[in-house]
Amino acid sequence: MKDEKRKKRKTSPSSKRDGQKRTGRKPTTDRRSSPSDTALKKTGNTKASTHRRKKKQRQSSGRKTGRKRPTGVKRGRRLVGELLLSLFLAMGLIYVISLFTFTFYSVDSYMMAPAVNAGDTVFVNKLKEIRRFDFVLFRSPTDGELSVRRVIGVPGDRLYYQADVLYLNEQEQVERFLNTALKEARQNDQQFTEDFRLSQVIGQDAVPKDSYFVLGDNRTFAVDSRSYGVIHKKDIIGVVRMKVLPLHEMTYL
């Protein structure tokens, strides 16, 4: 009798359910995977393995170089820094070259009108040889201020003015750059350039060596060699070659 009861307990459904509850396991069913499921699993495994392989390659390359790849922000900052450095070096190079070859000057008076007016910016060539009727930038012998005037007499020249006519080395010299001003002066019955002789201004008959006699084109109001004498070569910065500003008045002088 006892043996039969034990067998019934072993084989009873209730005992099987109680065992499942105690273990917390659900009854498993025998499910066979279909071919499509197998293919999806293989594809997913392939993608995952490929992703892991690429990640390992990136990590290994980063370890080999010893640095991380720069991000977009870092790359942009580096580019801006390189541009600023290039600009700074270029400006420094231009400045060094300008110390010996050229410069720019902003005119602050109307003594060279109408060719050059106050506010105009001119280009000055420091290497050009000075010739008669050139515009020159120099330091005034009275106050050291920069000025622009026109060269009338070069070393060795003998000159004088009479009745608005320039005489150089006993030869009449036509000043075509004053044609308009001379015409207006004659119409108004006025003299544009006062009569004078070089000996009356500097006490010599000819322009001294390494010196230049300069006049302003606006003869009536200009302060020039008639007031402070000749300009020494060492005080001349260079020859004014071009008016660059304003742009619509850009021209060679």
C-alpha atoms as a PDB file:
ATOM      1  CA  MET A   1       0.000   0.000   0.000  1.00  0.00           C
ATOM      2  CA  LYS A   2       2.701   2.421   0.903  1.00  0.00           C
ATOM      3  CA  ASP A   3       4.554   1.709  -2.320  1.00  0.00           C
ATOM      4  CA  GLU A   4       1.482   2.439  -4.429  1.00  0.00           C
ATOM      5  CA  LYS A   5       0.910   5.824  -2.702  1.00  0.00           C
ATOM      6  CA  ARG A   6       4.501   6.804  -3.343  1.00  0.00           C
ATOM      7  CA  LYS A   7       4.106   6.020  -7.053  1.00  0.00           C
ATOM      8  CA  LYS A   8       0.938   8.078  -7.257  1.00  0.00           C
ATOM      9  CA  ARG A   9       2.663  11.061  -5.657  1.00  0.00           C
ATOM     10  CA  LYS A  10       5.469  10.837  -8.146  1.00  0.00           C
ATOM     11  CA  THR A  11       3.201  10.702 -11.150  1.00  0.00           C
ATOM     12  CA  SER A  12       0.387  13.047 -10.088  1.00  0.00           C
ATOM     13  CA  PRO A  13      -0.044  16.293 -12.147  1.00  0.00           C
ATOM     14  CA  SER A  14      -0.458  18.368  -9.011  1.00  0.00           C
ATOM     15  CA  SER A  15       2.963  17.381  -7.811  1.00  0.00           C
ATOM     16  CA  LYS A  16       4.428  18.439 -11.159  1.00  0.00           C
ATOM     17  CA  ARG A  17       2.733  21.861 -10.973  1.00  0.00           C
ATOM     18  CA  ASP A  18       3.904  22.320  -7.381  1.00  0.00           C
ATOM     19  CA  GLY A  19       7.441  21.615  -8.466  1.00  0.00           C
ATOM     20  CA  GLN A  20       7.206  24.154 -11.281  1.00  0.00           C
ATOM     21  CA  LYS A  21       5.913  26.814  -8.881  1.00  0.00           C
ATOM     22  CA  ARG A  22       8.719  26.160  -6.445  1.00  0.00           C
ATOM     23  CA  THR A  23      11.417  26.429  -9.088  1.00  0.00           C
ATOM     24  CA  GLY A  24       9.764  29.380 -10.911  1.00  0.00           C
ATOM     25  CA  ARG A  25      10.389  27.785 -14.304  1.00  0.00           C
ATOM     26  CA  LYS A  26       7.872  27.680 -17.087  1.00  0.00           C
ATOM     27  CA  PRO A  27       7.364  24.556 -19.058  1.00  0.00           C
ATOM     28  CA  THR A  28       9.523  24.624 -22.145  1.00  0.00           C
ATOM     29  CA  THR A  29       8.239  23.716 -25.524  1.00  0.00           C
ATOM     30  CA  ASP A  30      10.319  22.297 -28.251  1.00  0.00           C
ATOM     31  CA  ARG A  31      10.416  25.012 -30.933  1.00  0.00           C
ATOM     32  CA  ARG A  32      12.534  24.567 -34.014  1.00  0.00           C
ATOM     33  CA  SER A  33      13.889  27.761 -35.628  1.00  0.00           C
ATOM     34  CA  SER A  34      12.830  28.497 -39.200  1.00  0.00           C
ATOM     35  CA  PRO A  35      15.349  29.235 -42.028  1.00  0.00           C
ATOM     36  CA  SER A  36      14.395  32.957 -42.063  1.00  0.00           C
ATOM     37  CA  ASP A  37      15.134  33.284 -38.333  1.00  0.00           C
ATOM     38  CA  THR A  38      18.491  31.643 -38.839  1.00  0.00           C
ATOM     39  CA  ALA A  39      19.370  34.052 -41.660  1.00  0.00           C
ATOM     40  CA  LEU A  40      18.403  37.100 -39.539  1.00  0.00           C
ATOM     41  CA  LYS A  41      20.528  35.872 -36.678  1.00  0.00           C
ATOM     42  CA  LYS A  42      23.513  35.390 -38.982  1.00  0.00           C
ATOM     43  CA  THR A  43      23.076  38.892 -40.461  1.00  0.00           C
ATOM     44  CA  GLY A  44      22.827  40.482 -37.022  1.00  0.00           C
ATOM     45  CA  ASN A  45      25.889  38.625 -35.810  1.00  0.00           C
ATOM     46  CA  THR A  46      27.836  39.693 -38.916  1.00  0.00           C
ATOM     47  CA  LYS A  47      26.943  43.396 -38.448  1.00  0.00           C
ATOM     48  CA  ALA A  48      27.804  43.275 -34.755  1.00  0.00           C
ATOM     49  CA  SER A  49      31.137  41.611 -35.419  1.00  0.00           C
ATOM     50  CA  THR A  50      31.943  44.137 -38.157  1.00  0.00           C
ATOM     51  CA  HIS A  51      31.107  47.067 -35.840  1.00  0.00           C
ATOM     52  CA  ARG A  52      33.276  45.602 -33.087  1.00  0.00           C
ATOM     53  CA  ARG A  53      36.158  45.049 -35.517  1.00  0.00           C
ATOM     54  CA  LYS A  54      36.012  48.691 -36.775  1.00  0.00           C
ATOM     55  CA  LYS A  55      35.853  49.986 -33.215  1.00  0.00           C
ATOM     56  CA  LYS A  56      38.933  47.953 -32.291  1.00  0.00           C
ATOM     57  CA  GLN A  57      40.762  49.265 -35.358  1.00  0.00           C
ATOM     58  CA  ARG A  58      39.975  52.896 -34.407  1.00  0.00           C
ATOM     59  CA  GLN A  59      41.124  52.289 -30.861  1.00  0.00           C
ATOM     60  CA  SER A  60      44.319  50.600 -32.001  1.00  0.00           C
ATOM     61  CA  SER A  61      45.086  53.431 -34.480  1.00  0.00           C
ATOM     62  CA  GLY A  62      44.507  55.993 -31.726  1.00  0.00           C
ATOM     63  CA  ARG A  63      46.935  54.128 -29.477  1.00  0.00           C
ATOM     64  CA  LYS A  64      49.523  53.985 -32.248  1.00  0.00           C
ATOM     65  CA  THR A  65      49.458  57.725 -32.936  1.00  0.00           C
ATOM     66  CA  GLY A  66      49.218  58.581 -29.262  1.00  0.00           C
ATOM     67  CA  ARG A  67      46.563  61.261 -29.788  1.00  0.00           C
ATOM     68  CA  LYS A  68      42.889  61.601 -30.462  1.00  0.00           C
ATOM     69  CA  ARG A  69      41.472  62.765 -33.745  1.00  0.00           C
ATOM     70  CA  PRO A  70      40.628  66.491 -33.626  1.00  0.00           C
ATOM     71  CA  THR A  71      36.988  67.357 -33.558  1.00  0.00           C
ATOM     72  CA  GLY A  72      35.348  69.889 -35.910  1.00  0.00           C
ATOM     73  CA  VAL A  73      35.621  72.712 -33.344  1.00  0.00           C
ATOM     74  CA  LYS A  74      39.300  72.054 -32.670  1.00  0.00           C
ATOM     75  CA  ARG A  75      40.032  71.877 -36.390  1.00  0.00           C
ATOM     76  CA  GLY A  76      38.273  75.229 -36.942  1.00  0.00           C
ATOM     77  CA  ARG A  77      40.210  76.879 -34.116  1.00  0.00           C
ATOM     78  CA  ARG A  78      43.463  75.572 -35.505  1.00  0.00           C
ATOM     79  CA  LEU A  79      42.617  76.959 -38.956  1.00  0.00           C
ATOM     80  CA  VAL A  80      41.755  80.401 -37.531  1.00  0.00           C
ATOM     81  CA  GLY A  81      44.987  80.427 -35.553  1.00  0.00           C
ATOM     82  CA  GLU A  82      47.037  79.573 -38.632  1.00  0.00           C
ATOM     83  CA  LEU A  83      45.310  82.316 -40.654  1.00  0.00           C
ATOM     84  CA  LEU A  84      45.948  84.931 -37.949  1.00  0.00           C
ATOM     85  CA  LEU A  85      49.577  83.894 -37.682  1.00  0.00           C
ATOM     86  CA  SER A  86      50.015  84.132 -41.467  1.00  0.00           C
ATOM     87  CA  LEU A  87      48.382  87.575 -41.498  1.00  0.00           C
ATOM     88  CA  PHE A  88      50.611  88.781 -38.664  1.00  0.00           C
ATOM     89  CA  LEU A  89      53.763  87.548 -40.395  1.00  0.00           C
ATOM     90  CA  ALA A  90      52.701  89.120 -43.714  1.00  0.00           C
ATOM     91  CA  MET A  91      52.042  92.491 -42.054  1.00  0.00           C
ATOM     92  CA  GLY A  92      55.376  92.336 -40.269  1.00  0.00           C
ATOM     93  CA  LEU A  93      57.168  91.556 -43.527  1.00  0.00           C
ATOM     94  CA  ILE A  94      55.432  94.429 -45.345  1.00  0.00           C
ATOM     95  CA  TYR A  95      56.354  96.804 -42.520  1.00  0.00           C
ATOM     96  CA  VAL A  96      60.020  95.792 -42.609  1.00  0.00           C
ATOM     97  CA  ILE A  97      60.122  96.204 -46.404  1.00  0.00           C
ATOM     98  CA  SER A  98      58.402  99.595 -46.178  1.00  0.00           C
ATOM     99  CA  LEU A  99      61.117 100.902 -43.858  1.00  0.00           C
ATOM    100  CA  PHE A 100      63.530 100.818 -46.787  1.00  0.00           C
ATOM    101  CA  THR A 101      61.429 100.986 -49.969  1.00  0.00           C
ATOM    102  CA  PHE A 102      58.085 102.795 -49.641  1.00  0.00           C
ATOM    103  CA  THR A 103      55.528 104.384 -47.359  1.00  0.00           C
ATOM    104  CA  PHE A 104      52.095 106.044 -47.413  1.00  0.00           C
ATOM    105  CA  TYR A 105      51.310 109.571 -46.274  1.00  0.00           C
ATOM    106  CA  SER A 106      48.019 111.365 -45.593  1.00  0.00           C
ATOM    107  CA  VAL A 107      48.225 114.966 -46.776  1.00  0.00           C
ATOM    108  CA  ASP A 108      47.016 117.510 -44.199  1.00  0.00           C
ATOM    109  CA  SER A 109      47.009 120.799 -46.150  1.00  0.00           C
ATOM    110  CA  TYR A 110      45.878 122.437 -49.407  1.00  0.00           C
ATOM    111  CA  MET A 111      49.306 123.850 -50.296  1.00  0.00           C
ATOM    112  CA  MET A 112      49.618 121.398 -53.211  1.00  0.00           C
ATOM    113  CA  ALA A 113      46.063 121.915 -54.518  1.00  0.00           C
ATOM    114  CA  PRO A 114      44.616 121.086 -56.942  1.00  0.00           C
ATOM    115  CA  ALA A 115      46.923 118.094 -57.602  1.00  0.00           C
ATOM    116  CA  VAL A 116      46.841 116.912 -53.974  1.00  0.00           C
ATOM    117  CA  ASN A 117      44.342 118.073 -51.363  1.00  0.00           C
ATOM    118  CA  ALA A 118      43.983 117.693 -47.605  1.00  0.00           C
ATOM    119  CA  GLY A 119      42.836 114.175 -46.715  1.00  0.00           C
ATOM    120  CA  ASP A 120      44.382 112.539 -49.786  1.00  0.00           C
ATOM    121  CA  THR A 121      46.670 109.546 -49.262  1.00  0.00           C
ATOM    122  CA  VAL A 122      49.757 109.264 -51.439  1.00  0.00           C
ATOM    123  CA  PHE A 123      52.245 106.489 -52.178  1.00  0.00           C
ATOM    124  CA  VAL A 124      55.889 107.435 -51.585  1.00  0.00           C
ATOM    125  CA  ASN A 125      58.809 105.640 -53.256  1.00  0.00           C
ATOM    126  CA  LYS A 126      61.920 105.854 -51.080  1.00  0.00           C
ATOM    127  CA  LEU A 127      64.283 104.487 -53.722  1.00  0.00           C
ATOM    128  CA  LYS A 128      63.466 106.667 -56.726  1.00  0.00           C
ATOM    129  CA  GLU A 129      65.962 109.271 -57.880  1.00  0.00           C
ATOM    130  CA  ILE A 130      64.741 112.840 -57.324  1.00  0.00           C
ATOM    131  CA  ARG A 131      64.155 114.836 -60.508  1.00  0.00           C
ATOM    132  CA  ARG A 132      62.963 118.314 -61.273  1.00  0.00           C
ATOM    133  CA  PHE A 133      59.182 118.809 -60.847  1.00  0.00           C
ATOM    134  CA  ASP A 134      58.791 115.623 -58.770  1.00  0.00           C
ATOM    135  CA  PHE A 135      56.602 115.683 -55.677  1.00  0.00           C
ATOM    136  CA  VAL A 136      58.667 114.908 -52.587  1.00  0.00           C
ATOM    137  CA  LEU A 137      57.829 114.063 -48.989  1.00  0.00           C
ATOM    138  CA  PHE A 138      60.267 115.663 -46.542  1.00  0.00           C
ATOM    139  CA  ARG A 139      60.702 116.946 -43.009  1.00  0.00           C
ATOM    140  CA  SER A 140      60.290 120.680 -42.756  1.00  0.00           C
ATOM    141  CA  PRO A 141      63.507 122.425 -41.632  1.00  0.00           C
ATOM    142  CA  THR A 142      61.473 124.700 -39.319  1.00  0.00           C
ATOM    143  CA  ASP A 143      59.395 122.283 -37.235  1.00  0.00           C
ATOM    144  CA  GLY A 144      60.266 118.779 -38.501  1.00  0.00           C
ATOM    145  CA  GLU A 145      56.715 118.137 -39.692  1.00  0.00           C
ATOM    146  CA  LEU A 146      56.183 116.075 -42.853  1.00  0.00           C
ATOM    147  CA  SER A 147      55.238 118.062 -45.955  1.00  0.00           C
ATOM    148  CA  VAL A 148      54.712 117.487 -49.668  1.00  0.00           C
ATOM    149  CA  ARG A 149      56.048 120.017 -52.194  1.00  0.00           C
ATOM    150  CA  ARG A 150      57.203 120.085 -55.809  1.00  0.00           C
ATOM    151  CA  VAL A 151      60.910 120.212 -56.674  1.00  0.00           C
ATOM    152  CA  ILE A 152      61.651 123.282 -58.805  1.00  0.00           C
ATOM    153  CA  GLY A 153      65.431 123.450 -58.523  1.00  0.00           C
ATOM    154  CA  VAL A 154      67.928 120.578 -58.256  1.00  0.00           C
ATOM    155  CA  PRO A 155      71.594 120.936 -57.187  1.00  0.00           C
ATOM    156  CA  GLY A 156      73.405 123.398 -59.444  1.00  0.00           C
ATOM    157  CA  ASP A 157      70.264 125.090 -60.834  1.00  0.00           C
ATOM    158  CA  ARG A 158      70.074 128.878 -61.098  1.00  0.00           C
ATOM    159  CA  LEU A 159      66.480 130.101 -61.066  1.00  0.00           C
ATOM    160  CA  TYR A 160      64.211 133.100 -60.730  1.00  0.00           C
ATOM    161  CA  TYR A 161      60.583 134.077 -61.379  1.00  0.00           C
ATOM    162  CA  GLN A 162      59.472 137.098 -63.341  1.00  0.00           C
ATOM    163  CA  ALA A 163      55.878 137.896 -64.411  1.00  0.00           C
ATOM    164  CA  ASP A 164      54.682 134.368 -63.551  1.00  0.00           C
ATOM    165  CA  VAL A 165      57.396 132.812 -65.710  1.00  0.00           C
ATOM    166  CA  LEU A 166      60.043 130.434 -64.351  1.00  0.00           C
ATOM    167  CA  TYR A 167      63.595 130.848 -65.642  1.00  0.00           C
ATOM    168  CA  LEU A 168      65.945 127.932 -65.068  1.00  0.00           C
ATOM    169  CA  ASN A 169      69.607 128.395 -65.944  1.00  0.00           C
ATOM    170  CA  GLU A 170      68.673 131.470 -68.002  1.00  0.00           C
ATOM    171  CA  GLN A 171      66.080 129.435 -69.956  1.00  0.00           C
ATOM    172  CA  GLU A 172      62.320 130.002 -69.844  1.00  0.00           C
ATOM    173  CA  GLN A 173      60.585 126.929 -68.385  1.00  0.00           C
ATOM    174  CA  VAL A 174      56.888 126.238 -69.005  1.00  0.00           C
ATOM    175  CA  GLU A 175      55.038 124.896 -65.937  1.00  0.00           C
ATOM    176  CA  ARG A 176      52.192 123.038 -67.618  1.00  0.00           C
ATOM    177  CA  PHE A 177      50.858 121.784 -64.268  1.00  0.00           C
ATOM    178  CA  LEU A 178      49.960 125.424 -63.471  1.00  0.00           C
ATOM    179  CA  ASN A 179      48.141 126.225 -66.728  1.00  0.00           C
ATOM    180  CA  THR A 180      44.666 126.437 -65.151  1.00  0.00           C
ATOM    181  CA  ALA A 181      45.817 128.483 -62.154  1.00  0.00           C
ATOM    182  CA  LEU A 182      47.818 130.910 -64.354  1.00  0.00           C
ATOM    183  CA  LYS A 183      44.838 131.386 -66.666  1.00  0.00           C
ATOM    184  CA  GLU A 184      42.531 132.227 -63.759  1.00  0.00           C
ATOM    185  CA  ALA A 185      45.119 134.649 -62.312  1.00  0.00           C
ATOM    186  CA  ARG A 186      45.413 136.511 -65.626  1.00  0.00           C
ATOM    187  CA  GLN A 187      41.638 136.732 -65.949  1.00  0.00           C
ATOM    188  CA  ASN A 188      41.489 138.312 -62.487  1.00  0.00           C
ATOM    189  CA  ASP A 189      44.456 140.565 -63.306  1.00  0.00           C
ATOM    190  CA  GLN A 190      46.525 138.955 -60.521  1.00  0.00           C
ATOM    191  CA  GLN A 191      50.047 137.560 -60.284  1.00  0.00           C
ATOM    192  CA  PHE A 192      50.157 133.891 -59.273  1.00  0.00           C
ATOM    193  CA  THR A 193      53.857 133.633 -58.278  1.00  0.00           C
ATOM    194  CA  GLU A 194      55.614 136.707 -56.880  1.00  0.00           C
ATOM    195  CA  ASP A 195      58.842 137.728 -58.573  1.00  0.00           C
ATOM    196  CA  PHE A 196      62.013 136.622 -56.785  1.00  0.00           C
ATOM    197  CA  ARG A 197      65.579 135.509 -57.425  1.00  0.00           C
ATOM    198  CA  LEU A 198      67.268 132.545 -55.776  1.00  0.00           C
ATOM    199  CA  SER A 199      70.039 134.758 -54.435  1.00  0.00           C
ATOM    200  CA  GLN A 200      67.429 136.851 -52.599  1.00  0.00           C
ATOM    201  CA  VAL A 201      66.048 133.763 -50.830  1.00  0.00           C
ATOM    202  CA  ILE A 202      69.098 131.647 -49.937  1.00  0.00           C
ATOM    203  CA  GLY A 203      71.966 134.090 -50.523  1.00  0.00           C
ATOM    204  CA  GLN A 204      73.465 131.979 -53.330  1.00  0.00           C
ATOM    205  CA  ASP A 205      73.133 132.065 -57.103  1.00  0.00           C
ATOM    206  CA  ALA A 206      72.656 128.280 -57.465  1.00  0.00           C
ATOM    207  CA  VAL A 207      71.053 125.476 -55.489  1.00  0.00           C
ATOM    208  CA  PRO A 208      73.740 123.923 -53.226  1.00  0.00           C
ATOM    209  CA  LYS A 209      74.937 120.343 -53.483  1.00  0.00           C
ATOM    210  CA  ASP A 210      72.584 117.682 -52.008  1.00  0.00           C
ATOM    211  CA  SER A 211      69.866 120.327 -51.677  1.00  0.00           C
ATOM    212  CA  TYR A 212      66.576 121.069 -53.463  1.00  0.00           C
ATOM    213  CA  PHE A 213      64.446 124.156 -53.950  1.00  0.00           C
ATOM    214  CA  VAL A 214      60.728 123.297 -53.516  1.00  0.00           C
ATOM    215  CA  LEU A 215      57.481 125.213 -54.063  1.00  0.00           C
ATOM    216  CA  GLY A 216      53.815 124.480 -53.422  1.00  0.00           C
ATOM    217  CA  ASP A 217      51.468 124.392 -56.415  1.00  0.00           C
ATOM    218  CA  ASN A 218      49.082 126.671 -54.547  1.00  0.00           C
ATOM    219  CA  ARG A 219      51.608 129.491 -54.809  1.00  0.00           C
ATOM    220  CA  THR A 220      49.447 132.188 -53.240  1.00  0.00           C
ATOM    221  CA  PHE A 221      49.089 130.380 -49.882  1.00  0.00           C
ATOM    222  CA  ALA A 222      51.902 127.798 -49.823  1.00  0.00           C
ATOM    223  CA  VAL A 223      54.738 127.882 -47.307  1.00  0.00           C
ATOM    224  CA  ASP A 224      57.819 126.547 -49.095  1.00  0.00           C
ATOM    225  CA  SER A 225      61.483 127.267 -49.914  1.00  0.00           C
ATOM    226  CA  ARG A 226      60.662 130.940 -50.328  1.00  0.00           C
ATOM    227  CA  SER A 227      60.131 130.925 -46.535  1.00  0.00           C
ATOM    228  CA  TYR A 228      62.537 128.338 -45.107  1.00  0.00           C
ATOM    229  CA  GLY A 229      65.164 127.922 -47.849  1.00  0.00           C
ATOM    230  CA  VAL A 230      66.365 124.765 -49.573  1.00  0.00           C
ATOM    231  CA  ILE A 231      65.632 121.200 -48.435  1.00  0.00           C
ATOM    232  CA  HIS A 232      68.567 118.942 -47.675  1.00  0.00           C
ATOM    233  CA  LYS A 233      68.629 115.495 -49.243  1.00  0.00           C
ATOM    234  CA  LYS A 234      68.900 113.782 -45.852  1.00  0.00           C
ATOM    235  CA  ASP A 235      65.527 115.269 -44.850  1.00  0.00           C
ATOM    236  CA  ILE A 236      63.701 113.892 -47.896  1.00  0.00           C
ATOM    237  CA  ILE A 237      61.696 110.698 -47.222  1.00  0.00           C
ATOM    238  CA  GLY A 238      61.015 109.861 -50.859  1.00  0.00           C
ATOM    239  CA  VAL A 239      59.337 110.750 -54.126  1.00  0.00           C
ATOM    240  CA  VAL A 240      55.528 110.873 -54.200  1.00  0.00           C
ATOM    241  CA  ARG A 241      54.517 108.685 -57.130  1.00  0.00           C
ATOM    242  CA  MET A 242      50.770 108.193 -56.824  1.00  0.00           C
ATOM    243  CA  LYS A 243      47.614 109.445 -55.163  1.00  0.00           C
ATOM    244  CA  VAL A 244      45.861 106.280 -53.934  1.00  0.00           C
ATOM    245  CA  LEU A 245      42.961 107.681 -51.909  1.00  0.00           C
ATOM    246  CA  PRO A 246      40.229 108.547 -52.526  1.00  0.00           C
ATOM    247  CA  LEU A 247      39.930 105.655 -54.961  1.00  0.00           C
ATOM    248  CA  HIS A 248      37.959 107.541 -57.602  1.00  0.00           C
ATOM    249  CA  GLU A 249      40.811 110.103 -57.814  1.00  0.00           C
ATOM    250  CA  MET A 250      43.653 107.587 -57.962  1.00  0.00           C
ATOM    251  CA  THR A 251      46.311 108.860 -60.362  1.00  0.00           C
ATOM    252  CA  TYR A 252      50.056 109.066 -61.001  1.00  0.00           C
ATOM    253  CA  LEU A 253      51.770 112.303 -60.020  1.00  0.00           C
END
